[in-house]
Amino acid sequence: MRLTTKGRYAVTAMLDLALYGDRGPISLADVSGRQDISLSYLEQLFAKLRRRDLVCSIRGPGGGYRLSRSSETIFVAEIIDAVDERVDATGCSGNSDCQDGQTCLTHNLWSDLSDQIHHFLSDISLASLVERREVQNVSARQLQRARNTQSIILTAVD
């Protein structure tokens, strides 16, 4: 099954906004630091997410991004679709040309699986992910790492 880095990173970045957005707009630099995703890559992803009205940008000092609507109403499949990603279990990228330009014996099976996965992801909201204990644990670890990094930087400056 193929879900590329683009789709995974988009979901990760949106989940980061859902986790930390109650503190105000989130800078892409903060998301980049917490999630180890290139800032330039995030900028490309957020341009697509903004066009699909999943995020909105706040300009000026203290600006950044926030979810454009509540995390209960943003679903993982929407995020993946917004960055032009597909969940595809077929060997032909859904083109039906798996076997010498023709549909292979199991094409419909893998195509149906792709549809089932998309349907499954359509039922998972960002809010439901935020509520998961393991997500909360990772979030706490990331915040602690960020505090430690900031402390090291401040100590080096003094």
Protein backbone atom coordinates (compact mmCIF):
# COMPACT_ATOMS: atom_id res chain seq x y z
CA MET A 1 0.00 0.00 0.00
CA ARG A 2 1.25 3.47 -0.83
CA LEU A 3 0.82 6.49 1.35
CA THR A 4 3.76 8.74 0.72
CA THR A 5 5.58 11.09 3.03
CA LYS A 6 3.43 13.96 1.76
CA GLY A 7 0.24 12.46 3.17
CA ARG A 8 1.83 11.37 6.45
CA TYR A 9 3.48 14.75 7.00
CA ALA A 10 0.25 16.63 6.22
CA VAL A 11 -1.67 14.58 8.79
CA THR A 12 1.14 14.99 11.33
CA ALA A 13 1.26 18.77 10.86
CA MET A 14 -2.52 19.10 11.13
CA LEU A 15 -2.52 16.99 14.29
CA ASP A 16 0.18 19.29 15.67
CA LEU A 17 -2.13 22.27 15.08
CA ALA A 18 -4.98 20.42 16.77
CA LEU A 19 -2.77 19.64 19.77
CA TYR A 20 -1.17 23.05 20.26
CA GLY A 21 -3.64 25.43 18.61
CA ASP A 22 -5.36 26.36 21.85
CA ARG A 23 -2.31 28.53 22.58
CA GLY A 24 -2.96 30.72 19.54
CA PRO A 25 -1.62 30.62 16.00
CA ILE A 26 1.18 28.09 15.48
CA SER A 27 4.22 28.98 13.39
CA LEU A 28 5.41 26.49 10.82
CA ALA A 29 8.85 26.78 12.43
CA ASP A 30 7.36 25.40 15.66
CA VAL A 31 5.67 22.55 13.79
CA SER A 32 8.93 21.88 11.96
CA GLY A 33 10.88 21.74 15.20
CA ARG A 34 8.44 19.48 17.03
CA GLN A 35 7.77 17.11 14.14
CA ASP A 36 11.16 17.10 12.37
CA ILE A 37 9.62 18.13 9.06
CA SER A 38 11.45 20.53 6.74
CA LEU A 39 10.09 24.07 6.95
CA SER A 40 10.07 24.47 3.17
CA TYR A 41 8.13 21.20 2.82
CA LEU A 42 5.60 22.39 5.40
CA GLU A 43 5.16 25.64 3.47
CA GLN A 44 4.26 23.65 0.35
CA LEU A 45 1.83 21.43 2.26
CA PHE A 46 0.17 24.35 4.04
CA ALA A 47 -0.39 26.17 0.76
CA LYS A 48 -2.51 23.19 -0.32
CA LEU A 49 -4.21 22.85 3.06
CA ARG A 50 -5.07 26.56 3.00
CA ARG A 51 -6.55 26.28 -0.51
CA ARG A 52 -8.82 23.49 0.74
CA ASP A 53 -9.87 25.62 3.74
CA LEU A 54 -8.45 23.24 6.33
CA VAL A 55 -6.18 25.89 7.84
CA CYS A 56 -6.13 29.66 7.94
CA SER A 57 -3.12 31.90 8.31
CA ILE A 58 -2.72 34.76 10.74
CA ARG A 59 -0.29 37.45 9.60
CA GLY A 60 1.99 39.64 11.64
CA PRO A 61 3.92 39.22 14.88
CA GLY A 62 2.64 36.22 16.77
CA GLY A 63 1.03 34.96 13.58
CA GLY A 64 0.99 31.47 12.21
CA TYR A 65 -1.64 28.91 11.34
CA ARG A 66 -4.73 27.52 12.97
CA LEU A 67 -7.33 25.00 11.99
CA SER A 68 -10.06 26.66 9.95
CA ARG A 69 -12.75 24.75 11.82
CA SER A 70 -13.02 22.53 14.87
CA SER A 71 -10.89 19.42 15.07
CA GLU A 72 -14.07 17.35 15.42
CA THR A 73 -15.00 18.23 11.83
CA ILE A 74 -11.63 17.69 10.12
CA PHE A 75 -11.02 14.10 9.05
CA VAL A 76 -7.79 12.35 8.08
CA ALA A 77 -9.02 11.46 4.59
CA GLU A 78 -9.74 15.16 3.90
CA ILE A 79 -6.18 16.06 4.80
CA ILE A 80 -4.74 13.37 2.57
CA ASP A 81 -7.01 14.41 -0.29
CA ALA A 82 -6.07 18.09 0.19
CA VAL A 83 -2.40 17.44 -0.53
CA ASP A 84 -3.27 15.45 -3.67
CA GLU A 85 -2.38 12.17 -2.04
CA ARG A 86 -4.09 8.85 -2.55
CA VAL A 87 -4.19 5.73 -0.50
CA ASP A 88 -3.64 3.12 -3.16
CA ALA A 89 -3.17 -0.61 -2.66
CA THR A 90 -3.11 -1.43 -6.38
CA GLY A 91 0.13 -2.12 -8.19
CA CYS A 92 -0.85 0.16 -11.07
CA SER A 93 -1.71 3.35 -9.17
CA GLY A 94 -5.36 2.72 -9.92
CA ASN A 95 -4.86 2.94 -13.71
CA SER A 96 -6.15 -0.60 -14.44
CA ASP A 97 -3.10 -1.32 -16.58
CA CYS A 98 -1.49 -3.78 -14.19
CA GLN A 99 -0.87 -6.62 -16.62
CA ASP A 100 0.45 -5.70 -20.06
CA GLY A 101 -1.80 -2.64 -20.19
CA GLN A 102 -4.86 -4.55 -19.02
CA THR A 103 -6.55 -5.06 -15.66
CA CYS A 104 -4.94 -7.86 -13.66
CA LEU A 105 -6.80 -10.67 -11.93
CA THR A 106 -6.76 -9.00 -8.49
CA HIS A 107 -7.06 -5.34 -9.50
CA ASN A 108 -10.61 -4.96 -8.19
CA LEU A 109 -9.67 -6.57 -4.88
CA TRP A 110 -6.86 -4.03 -4.29
CA SER A 111 -9.00 -1.18 -5.58
CA ASP A 112 -11.77 -2.14 -3.14
CA LEU A 113 -9.19 -2.26 -0.33
CA SER A 114 -8.08 1.26 -1.25
CA ASP A 115 -11.70 2.43 -1.05
CA GLN A 116 -12.13 0.75 2.35
CA ILE A 117 -9.00 2.43 3.70
CA HIS A 118 -10.18 5.82 2.46
CA HIS A 119 -13.58 5.21 4.07
CA PHE A 120 -11.85 4.20 7.34
CA LEU A 121 -9.75 7.40 7.32
CA SER A 122 -12.91 9.43 6.59
CA ASP A 123 -14.22 8.41 10.00
CA ILE A 124 -11.14 9.52 11.99
CA SER A 125 -11.22 13.13 13.12
CA LEU A 126 -8.29 15.12 14.42
CA ALA A 127 -10.19 15.41 17.71
CA SER A 128 -10.37 11.63 18.07
CA LEU A 129 -6.61 11.42 17.53
CA VAL A 130 -5.93 14.19 20.07
CA GLU A 131 -7.90 12.21 22.67
CA ARG A 132 -5.72 9.12 22.30
CA ARG A 133 -3.42 8.47 25.25
CA GLU A 134 -0.44 7.59 23.06
CA VAL A 135 -0.81 10.86 21.15
CA GLN A 136 -0.92 12.76 24.44
CA ASN A 137 2.24 10.96 25.60
CA VAL A 138 4.13 11.84 22.42
CA SER A 139 2.92 15.43 22.67
CA ALA A 140 4.23 15.70 26.25
CA ARG A 141 7.59 14.28 25.17
CA GLN A 142 7.82 16.78 22.30
CA LEU A 143 7.05 19.71 24.60
CA GLN A 144 9.72 18.56 27.06
CA ARG A 145 12.26 18.23 24.23
CA ALA A 146 11.40 21.75 23.03
CA ARG A 147 11.84 23.14 26.57
CA ASN A 148 15.19 21.38 26.92
CA THR A 149 16.36 22.74 23.57
CA GLN A 150 15.28 26.26 24.51
CA SER A 151 17.06 25.96 27.86
CA ILE A 152 20.27 24.89 26.13
CA ILE A 153 20.06 27.82 23.71
CA LEU A 154 19.43 30.32 26.54
CA THR A 155 22.35 28.90 28.55
CA ALA A 156 24.67 29.18 25.53
CA VAL A 157 23.65 32.83 25.01
CA ASP A 158 24.40 33.80 28.63
